Amino acid sequence: MHSAAPGGVGVGVGRTALLVAAARAIETHRPGALAHDPLAEHFVRAATVSADWPVHPDQVPDGAADPLWGRLGRYFGLRTRALDDHLLRSVRAGVRQVVLLGAGLDARAFRLDWPPGCTVHEIDTEQVLAFKQEVLDVIGARPTASRRTVPADLRGDWADALVRAGFDRTAPTAWLAEGLLLYLPADAERRLVARVHALSARGSTLAYELKEVVAESAAIRTAPVYLAARQRLGIDLPTLFAAGRRPDTAGELTRRGWTVAVHSPFDFTAVHGRGPLPEQDDALAANRWVFAERARPVPISAGCAAVG
């Protein structure tokens, strides 16, 4: 089964979902893989544009030295692990509602070990979700949590559609925006974050990715990672990233009462002993992974001194 998925994963930003899926497939087959996604290669093979992309380390002749499937691919593998861990920490703390903003070809609803009672909402365009469901139906995949798909444009008003799909705004939520904010115009990012805050009960968490510097230098824009993606896959990443001054989303969340931690991906390379290391004119140097939590309510008795 091959699909071009017009207006979906075959073109523009949508094609980056296939890039990430291929990277996850390759990571899955590496010894000591940081993340396992057995569904990823099925998405890659199902789309005409990516049918001949590698999905196994044996199909990457230069291995870790390859700027595309080595360095960038390992970046996506590390990012997947860090964000998987974020979601699993949230549900272990009692959260039972997960929202994947710009879910793309993410298979977390199928591959993670969710505790009983978890619901995973996937928001993306109708075309992307339709392509994804077609592949899932062909291979007979079954989710490990209650899964609800929400077709919506995240640049617009998606909150009502999420609520109609069964989202409970009174319950804490684990939100994830993986590889999303980089592509949204600044105003759309501000609106999205404001909606996330408005829908987040105390105890909610949020993880997202950003670039601290959008106007990268000419040397970085022609870095091997970007050059390989453009020449070999037809994905010109710098032209897809949103232009202009970016909002201080971490600062805004802090002002709204969230606790925010901003990390370089290289922090996680150090933690796991795997992943990309800094290099000169680095296309990954400005990337940041942000983890935020809206504090749970303090029980009334917690601040009371004993009397008697």
Foldseek 3Di string as FASTA:
>chain_A
DEDCLVVALNDFPNVVLLLLLLLQLQLLQDVVRLDHDPLSVLLQCRYPLRVPPHRHQVVVVVALPQLRSNAVSLLSSLVVNVVLVQVVVLVVVPAQEEEEEQCQLPQCQQPDQHDPRHEYEYEEAPSRVVSNVVSCVVVVGDGNYHYHYFHDDLLDDRLVSVVVRPDDLQGAYEYEHEPHLQQHAQVSVVVNLVVCLSSGHASHKYKYKYFQDLPADPLLQCPSNQVCCCPPSVHNPSVRGHDDDHDPSQVVVVVVQKDKDKAQSVVSCVVVVTHDDDDPSHNRRRMIMMMIHRHHDDPPCPPDDDDD
